[in-house]
Amino acid sequence: MAARTSGDLKLVGLSKSFESFTAVHPLDLVIPEGSFFALLGPSGCGKTTTLRMVAGLEQPTEGRILIGDTDITDTRAHQRNVNTVFQSYALFPHMNVMDNVAFGLRRRGDKDATRKANEALELVQLGEVARKKPSQLSGGMQQRVALARAVVNRPDVLLLDEPLGALDLKLRRQMQIELKRIRQELGLTFIHVTHDQEEAMTMADTIAVMNAGRLEQLGDPATLYEHPASTFVANFLGQSNLLRATVAGPGHHGEVLVKAHESLLRVEADHIPAQCTDIWLGVRPEKLRLGEHGGPNRLEGQVTDVSFSGVATQYLVRMPWGQEMTVVQQNDGSDRARQGDDVTVSWAAEHGFALDAAQAADAGVEGEG
């Protein structure tokens, strides 16, 4: 089944204000045709309002929305070739699965509605339940029916509004794989709105991290994780250890020496923001090692907590100045440290990132909202 060719989705200076509150500040985005794009951020960051403007459910205060060269800003929602899958499946309970999927096509008088609906159900691997009612299906199956109903018309853009939020963890993981497969098979543009960092990183080609109505950072998952542009992104996208430090001078082999709590540490020079001398030196928990073999950067501390999670063990290590650093070690059969042990925490210079210390260290910490 060939995907429709329509072009990139472009948001140009798009904003939305409600009386005295600005939900989305002027936003410029180009979402490539056929990509899996995620809008990620906490509640109230503007991601759902952005999605509703693309869907035609909210009128922008300023700016334009284009698909390819076609301006759809003032086009009514039902006239846009854009479909949305919501967290609530919104299936008709009195209709069977086939009739739910074919409903929109039949209303438009499509004589091929039954064949297209069958193809959509086969795509989501639910052909065998076509005659069942939604109440006879599990939550995961109902979500796949909602997805089949959304893709049956071959929309230019498919919008996913927290579609997996009502599913348990195991089903969510299965549906993440399923959605990626369907997107690859159809070649449609998927825009996924979520507050779940792992979900966004697992599924999306590109992520736009939003904060307080503004675009905080845009990039592929690995770049955002390894090279966050702000403390908000560093904290919201996974965990980060942030050490207050001052640039002390050049080191060897393209490194810079920084001083953190009387310790000289190394970081790659191109990781230091331009014109910054006071920085947050960041390192992800899984980049740290207990012992001296993780790299030249070493700090001494005491283990205050040990949490075993199966594939890994998480340690909290209290530094002499009182800060606790989080260290995550894969369970590879080596001896685990115990609570109360004195340990060395080490890491390589290339595993650190640096951010301007003018930013709040706790920006983006989950639960901040």
Protein backbone atom coordinates (compact mmCIF):
# COMPACT_ATOMS: atom_id res chain seq x y z
CA MET A 1 0.00 0.00 0.00
CA ALA A 2 1.74 3.17 -1.20
CA ALA A 3 1.90 6.15 1.12
CA ARG A 4 0.64 9.51 -0.07
CA THR A 5 3.27 12.05 -0.99
CA SER A 6 2.58 15.46 0.46
CA GLY A 7 5.78 17.02 1.76
CA ASP A 8 7.18 18.15 5.10
CA LEU A 9 5.01 19.57 7.85
CA LYS A 10 6.11 23.14 8.61
CA LEU A 11 5.20 25.23 11.63
CA VAL A 12 6.14 28.86 10.98
CA GLY A 13 6.07 31.28 13.91
CA LEU A 14 3.21 29.25 15.40
CA SER A 15 1.90 30.53 18.75
CA LYS A 16 -1.19 30.24 20.94
CA SER A 17 -2.34 32.56 23.71
CA PHE A 18 -5.38 32.26 25.99
CA GLU A 19 -6.21 35.73 27.36
CA SER A 20 -3.15 36.61 29.49
CA PHE A 21 -1.50 33.16 29.25
CA THR A 22 0.77 32.12 26.37
CA ALA A 23 0.60 28.33 25.94
CA VAL A 24 2.94 28.22 22.93
CA HIS A 25 5.48 30.94 22.16
CA PRO A 26 6.40 31.47 18.49
CA LEU A 27 7.55 28.06 17.28
CA ASP A 28 9.39 27.18 14.08
CA LEU A 29 9.65 23.50 13.17
CA VAL A 30 10.14 21.44 10.03
CA ILE A 31 8.99 17.85 10.46
CA PRO A 32 10.29 15.76 7.53
CA GLU A 33 7.78 13.76 5.55
CA GLY A 34 7.72 10.12 6.64
CA SER A 35 9.54 10.72 9.93
CA PHE A 36 8.61 9.66 13.46
CA PHE A 37 8.71 12.93 15.39
CA ALA A 38 8.10 13.37 19.13
CA LEU A 39 6.98 16.45 21.05
CA LEU A 40 8.27 15.77 24.57
CA GLY A 41 7.83 17.70 27.78
CA PRO A 42 6.08 17.88 31.15
CA SER A 43 2.41 18.77 31.65
CA GLY A 44 1.69 22.35 30.65
CA CYS A 45 4.70 22.71 28.33
CA GLY A 46 2.57 23.40 25.22
CA LYS A 47 3.03 20.11 23.37
CA THR A 48 -0.66 19.12 23.31
CA THR A 49 -1.72 22.66 22.31
CA THR A 50 0.76 22.45 19.41
CA LEU A 51 -0.72 19.11 18.35
CA ARG A 52 -4.27 20.49 18.57
CA MET A 53 -3.29 23.40 16.30
CA VAL A 54 -1.91 20.95 13.71
CA ALA A 55 -5.12 18.89 14.01
CA GLY A 56 -7.29 21.98 13.50
CA LEU A 57 -8.83 21.72 16.99
CA GLU A 58 -7.26 25.03 18.11
CA GLN A 59 -6.83 28.16 15.99
CA PRO A 60 -3.31 29.63 16.25
CA THR A 61 -2.96 33.15 17.59
CA GLU A 62 -0.11 33.77 15.14
CA GLY A 63 1.81 31.79 12.55
CA ARG A 64 1.16 29.31 9.77
CA ILE A 65 0.90 25.53 9.32
CA LEU A 66 1.89 24.01 5.99
CA ILE A 67 2.04 20.49 4.57
CA GLY A 68 4.44 20.73 1.66
CA ASP A 69 3.47 23.99 -0.05
CA THR A 70 -0.17 23.81 1.06
CA ASP A 71 -1.17 26.22 3.85
CA ILE A 72 -3.73 24.48 6.09
CA THR A 73 -3.78 27.08 8.90
CA ASP A 74 -7.36 28.16 8.24
CA THR A 75 -8.63 24.80 6.97
CA ARG A 76 -11.29 23.17 9.15
CA ALA A 77 -10.27 20.06 11.10
CA HIS A 78 -12.44 17.65 9.06
CA GLN A 79 -11.05 19.05 5.80
CA ARG A 80 -7.41 18.37 6.74
CA ASN A 81 -5.85 15.07 5.78
CA VAL A 82 -4.66 14.74 9.38
CA ASN A 83 -5.87 12.09 11.82
CA THR A 84 -5.40 11.80 15.59
CA VAL A 85 -5.11 8.77 17.89
CA PHE A 86 -6.01 9.73 21.46
CA GLN A 87 -5.26 8.04 24.78
CA SER A 88 -8.98 7.32 25.08
CA TYR A 89 -9.73 5.02 22.16
CA ALA A 90 -13.15 6.63 21.42
CA LEU A 91 -14.45 3.50 19.69
CA PHE A 92 -18.18 3.10 19.08
CA PRO A 93 -19.22 0.39 21.59
CA HIS A 94 -22.31 -0.72 19.61
CA MET A 95 -20.32 -1.34 16.42
CA ASN A 96 -18.00 -4.24 15.73
CA VAL A 97 -14.31 -3.69 14.96
CA MET A 98 -14.76 -3.72 11.19
CA ASP A 99 -17.55 -1.12 11.31
CA ASN A 100 -15.49 1.09 13.63
CA VAL A 101 -12.55 1.11 11.21
CA ALA A 102 -14.69 1.57 8.09
CA PHE A 103 -17.00 4.19 9.63
CA GLY A 104 -15.32 7.31 8.23
CA LEU A 105 -14.87 5.82 4.77
CA ARG A 106 -18.52 4.75 4.56
CA ARG A 107 -19.73 8.19 5.65
CA ARG A 108 -17.83 9.65 2.70
CA GLY A 109 -19.38 7.08 0.36
CA ASP A 110 -16.16 5.17 -0.33
CA LYS A 111 -17.24 2.02 -2.18
CA ASP A 112 -13.93 0.37 -1.26
CA ALA A 113 -14.44 0.91 2.49
CA THR A 114 -14.60 -2.77 3.48
CA ARG A 115 -11.44 -3.74 1.58
CA LYS A 116 -9.50 -0.77 2.98
CA ALA A 117 -10.70 -1.50 6.51
CA ASN A 118 -9.63 -5.14 6.16
CA GLU A 119 -6.18 -4.03 5.00
CA ALA A 120 -5.87 -1.65 7.94
CA LEU A 121 -6.84 -4.40 10.39
CA GLU A 122 -4.30 -6.77 8.83
CA LEU A 123 -1.68 -4.04 9.20
CA VAL A 124 -2.27 -3.92 12.97
CA GLN A 125 -2.55 -7.73 13.05
CA LEU A 126 -6.22 -7.79 14.10
CA GLY A 127 -7.92 -9.27 11.05
CA GLU A 128 -9.25 -12.18 13.10
CA VAL A 129 -11.28 -9.94 15.47
CA ALA A 130 -13.10 -7.91 12.80
CA ARG A 131 -16.55 -9.12 13.96
CA LYS A 132 -15.98 -8.61 17.68
CA LYS A 133 -17.20 -5.64 19.72
CA PRO A 134 -14.63 -3.33 21.38
CA SER A 135 -15.72 -4.54 24.85
CA GLN A 136 -14.50 -8.04 23.93
CA LEU A 137 -10.95 -6.80 23.30
CA SER A 138 -8.04 -6.01 25.62
CA GLY A 139 -6.82 -2.44 26.03
CA GLY A 140 -3.89 -3.05 23.71
CA MET A 141 -6.17 -4.47 21.01
CA GLN A 142 -8.57 -1.54 21.34
CA GLN A 143 -5.67 0.86 20.86
CA ARG A 144 -4.65 -1.00 17.70
CA VAL A 145 -8.24 -0.74 16.40
CA ALA A 146 -8.09 3.04 17.02
CA LEU A 147 -4.79 3.10 15.11
CA ALA A 148 -6.28 1.13 12.20
CA ARG A 149 -9.20 3.58 12.05
CA ALA A 150 -6.74 6.49 11.95
CA VAL A 151 -4.49 5.11 9.17
CA VAL A 152 -7.24 3.65 6.96
CA ASN A 153 -7.60 6.99 5.07
CA ARG A 154 -3.82 7.32 4.54
CA PRO A 155 -3.53 10.73 6.24
CA ASP A 156 -0.69 13.08 5.35
CA VAL A 157 0.10 13.32 9.07
CA LEU A 158 -0.87 11.00 11.94
CA LEU A 159 -1.00 12.65 15.36
CA LEU A 160 -0.53 10.47 18.45
CA ASP A 161 -1.70 12.17 21.66
CA GLU A 162 -0.29 10.12 24.60
CA PRO A 163 -1.70 7.02 22.85
CA LEU A 164 -0.08 4.47 25.16
CA GLY A 165 -0.76 6.18 28.48
CA ALA A 166 -3.64 3.88 29.48
CA LEU A 167 -1.67 0.66 28.87
CA ASP A 168 0.43 -1.25 31.37
CA LEU A 169 4.22 -1.32 30.99
CA LYS A 170 4.47 -4.59 29.05
CA LEU A 171 1.74 -3.59 26.58
CA ARG A 172 3.30 -0.14 26.16
CA ARG A 173 6.61 -1.73 25.15
CA GLN A 174 4.84 -4.02 22.66
CA MET A 175 2.91 -1.09 21.17
CA GLN A 176 6.08 1.00 20.83
CA ILE A 177 7.55 -1.67 18.57
CA GLU A 178 4.23 -2.04 16.75
CA LEU A 179 3.94 1.70 16.05
CA LYS A 180 7.49 1.87 14.67
CA ARG A 181 6.75 -1.10 12.38
CA ILE A 182 3.51 0.45 11.10
CA ARG A 183 5.16 3.81 10.47
CA GLN A 184 7.96 2.14 8.48
CA GLU A 185 5.46 0.07 6.50
CA LEU A 186 3.19 3.00 5.61
CA GLY A 187 5.80 5.77 5.31
CA LEU A 188 3.43 8.26 6.97
CA THR A 189 4.55 11.22 9.08
CA PHE A 190 3.92 10.40 12.74
CA ILE A 191 3.90 13.12 15.41
CA HIS A 192 3.87 11.67 18.90
CA VAL A 193 3.04 13.83 21.93
CA THR A 194 4.27 12.37 25.21
CA HIS A 195 5.69 13.22 28.63
CA ASP A 196 7.41 9.81 28.76
CA GLN A 197 11.11 10.30 28.00
CA GLU A 198 11.86 6.60 27.42
CA GLU A 199 8.91 6.29 25.05
CA ALA A 200 10.09 9.27 22.99
CA MET A 201 13.69 8.03 22.82
CA THR A 202 12.61 4.48 21.91
CA MET A 203 10.31 5.47 19.07
CA ALA A 204 11.25 8.82 17.54
CA ASP A 205 13.78 9.75 14.86
CA THR A 206 13.74 13.33 16.14
CA ILE A 207 12.59 14.81 19.45
CA ALA A 208 11.55 18.39 20.20
CA VAL A 209 11.85 18.98 23.96
CA MET A 210 9.39 21.67 25.07
CA ASN A 211 9.42 23.68 28.29
CA ALA A 212 6.97 26.42 29.32
CA GLY A 213 5.68 26.88 25.77
CA ARG A 214 9.12 27.12 24.15
CA LEU A 215 11.34 24.75 22.21
CA GLU A 216 14.18 23.82 24.57
CA GLN A 217 16.19 21.59 22.21
CA LEU A 218 15.69 19.70 18.96
CA GLY A 219 17.65 16.65 17.84
CA ASP A 220 17.90 12.89 17.54
CA PRO A 221 17.58 10.93 20.82
CA ALA A 222 21.30 10.14 21.16
CA THR A 223 22.36 13.77 20.66
CA LEU A 224 19.83 15.09 23.18
CA TYR A 225 20.90 12.50 25.74
CA GLU A 226 24.67 12.75 25.26
CA HIS A 227 24.84 16.51 24.61
CA PRO A 228 21.94 18.29 26.36
CA ALA A 229 21.85 22.02 25.68
CA SER A 230 20.40 22.99 29.07
CA THR A 231 19.99 21.71 32.60
CA PHE A 232 16.28 21.24 31.84
CA VAL A 233 17.06 18.77 29.03
CA ALA A 234 19.84 17.10 31.07
CA ASN A 235 17.43 16.42 33.94
CA PHE A 236 14.21 15.77 32.03
CA LEU A 237 15.76 13.32 29.56
CA GLY A 238 17.07 10.74 32.01
CA GLN A 239 19.18 11.37 35.12
CA SER A 240 22.23 13.61 35.38
CA ASN A 241 24.85 14.28 38.03
CA LEU A 242 25.65 18.01 37.92
CA LEU A 243 28.78 19.27 39.68
CA ARG A 244 29.41 22.99 40.15
CA ALA A 245 32.80 23.72 38.58
CA THR A 246 35.06 26.49 37.28
CA VAL A 247 37.16 26.33 34.14
CA ALA A 248 40.80 26.24 35.34
CA GLY A 249 42.71 26.15 32.06
CA PRO A 250 43.71 24.02 29.08
CA GLY A 251 44.60 20.36 29.49
CA HIS A 252 46.19 17.87 27.10
CA HIS A 253 44.77 16.34 23.90
CA GLY A 254 41.91 18.82 23.39
CA GLU A 255 40.77 18.70 27.00
CA VAL A 256 40.05 21.45 29.52
CA LEU A 257 40.77 21.28 33.25
CA VAL A 258 37.92 22.30 35.54
CA LYS A 259 37.94 22.64 39.29
CA ALA A 260 35.04 21.14 41.23
CA HIS A 261 35.13 21.21 45.04
CA GLU A 262 38.96 21.29 45.17
CA SER A 263 39.30 18.46 42.62
CA LEU A 264 40.78 18.98 39.16
CA LEU A 265 38.74 17.15 36.52
CA ARG A 266 38.99 16.86 32.76
CA VAL A 267 36.36 17.52 30.12
CA GLU A 268 36.68 17.73 26.34
CA ALA A 269 37.19 21.34 25.22
CA ASP A 270 34.39 21.27 22.64
CA HIS A 271 31.92 20.32 25.40
CA ILE A 272 32.45 23.68 27.16
CA PRO A 273 29.91 26.40 26.21
CA ALA A 274 31.48 29.46 24.60
CA GLN A 275 32.49 32.26 27.02
CA CYS A 276 31.58 30.18 30.09
CA THR A 277 33.91 29.94 33.08
CA ASP A 278 31.36 28.88 35.71
CA ILE A 279 29.74 25.64 34.63
CA TRP A 280 27.72 22.63 35.65
CA LEU A 281 29.85 19.60 34.82
CA GLY A 282 27.39 16.83 33.98
CA VAL A 283 27.82 13.08 33.72
CA ARG A 284 25.16 10.41 33.28
CA PRO A 285 24.93 7.73 36.03
CA GLU A 286 25.75 4.83 33.68
CA LYS A 287 28.95 6.58 32.50
CA LEU A 288 30.36 6.47 36.04
CA ARG A 289 32.33 3.54 37.44
CA LEU A 290 32.99 2.43 41.00
CA GLY A 291 36.77 2.02 41.14
CA GLU A 292 39.61 3.71 39.31
CA HIS A 293 39.21 2.10 35.89
CA GLY A 294 36.49 4.36 34.49
CA GLY A 295 38.88 7.13 33.43
CA PRO A 296 41.12 9.90 34.76
CA ASN A 297 38.36 11.81 36.57
CA ARG A 298 38.17 10.51 40.16
CA LEU A 299 36.23 11.51 43.26
CA GLU A 300 36.13 9.79 46.65
CA GLY A 301 32.84 9.14 48.44
CA GLN A 302 30.77 6.78 50.56
CA VAL A 303 27.94 4.52 49.39
CA THR A 304 24.69 5.59 51.10
CA ASP A 305 22.20 3.41 49.18
CA VAL A 306 22.23 0.31 46.96
CA SER A 307 19.22 -0.56 44.75
CA PHE A 308 19.27 -3.81 42.75
CA SER A 309 17.01 -3.80 39.66
CA GLY A 310 18.00 -7.01 37.88
CA VAL A 311 20.00 -5.85 34.88
CA ALA A 312 21.76 -3.12 36.87
CA THR A 313 22.47 -1.83 40.37
CA GLN A 314 22.04 1.83 41.30
CA TYR A 315 24.27 3.38 43.96
CA LEU A 316 24.04 6.70 45.75
CA VAL A 317 27.51 7.91 46.69
CA ARG A 318 27.86 10.86 49.09
CA MET A 319 30.69 13.25 48.26
CA PRO A 320 32.71 15.03 51.00
CA TRP A 321 30.77 18.28 50.34
CA GLY A 322 27.42 16.50 50.92
CA GLN A 323 26.17 16.00 47.35
CA GLU A 324 24.98 12.50 46.42
CA MET A 325 25.99 11.20 43.00
CA THR A 326 24.00 8.45 41.27
CA VAL A 327 26.02 5.60 39.77
CA VAL A 328 24.44 2.82 37.69
CA GLN A 329 26.49 -0.36 37.10
CA GLN A 330 25.48 -3.25 34.86
CA ASN A 331 25.24 -6.55 36.76
CA ASP A 332 28.06 -8.32 34.96
CA GLY A 333 28.99 -10.71 37.77
CA SER A 334 31.55 -8.45 39.46
CA ASP A 335 31.30 -7.77 43.20
CA ARG A 336 28.81 -5.13 44.26
CA ALA A 337 29.64 -2.40 46.75
CA ARG A 338 27.71 -2.26 50.02
CA GLN A 339 26.11 0.55 51.92
CA GLY A 340 28.78 2.30 53.99
CA ASP A 341 31.69 1.34 51.72
CA ASP A 342 34.25 4.02 50.83
CA VAL A 343 34.57 4.06 47.04
CA THR A 344 36.21 5.89 44.15
CA VAL A 345 33.87 7.20 41.44
CA SER A 346 35.63 7.61 38.07
CA TRP A 347 34.77 8.53 34.48
CA ALA A 348 36.36 9.44 31.15
CA ALA A 349 36.75 13.06 29.99
CA GLU A 350 34.63 12.45 26.87
CA HIS A 351 31.70 11.28 28.99
CA GLY A 352 31.22 14.65 30.67
CA PHE A 353 29.16 17.56 29.32
CA ALA A 354 29.21 21.18 30.49
CA LEU A 355 26.38 23.70 30.84
CA ASP A 356 26.27 27.36 31.81
CA ALA A 357 26.05 27.57 35.62
CA ALA A 358 23.61 30.49 35.31
CA GLN A 359 20.92 27.83 34.78
CA ALA A 360 19.16 26.22 37.75
CA ALA A 361 20.64 22.82 38.61
CA ASP A 362 17.19 21.31 39.26
CA ALA A 363 15.43 22.57 36.11
CA GLY A 364 13.56 19.72 34.45
CA VAL A 365 13.67 17.40 37.46
CA GLU A 366 10.66 15.07 37.08
CA GLY A 367 7.68 16.13 39.13
CA GLU A 368 8.49 19.81 38.82
CA GLY A 369 5.67 20.15 36.29
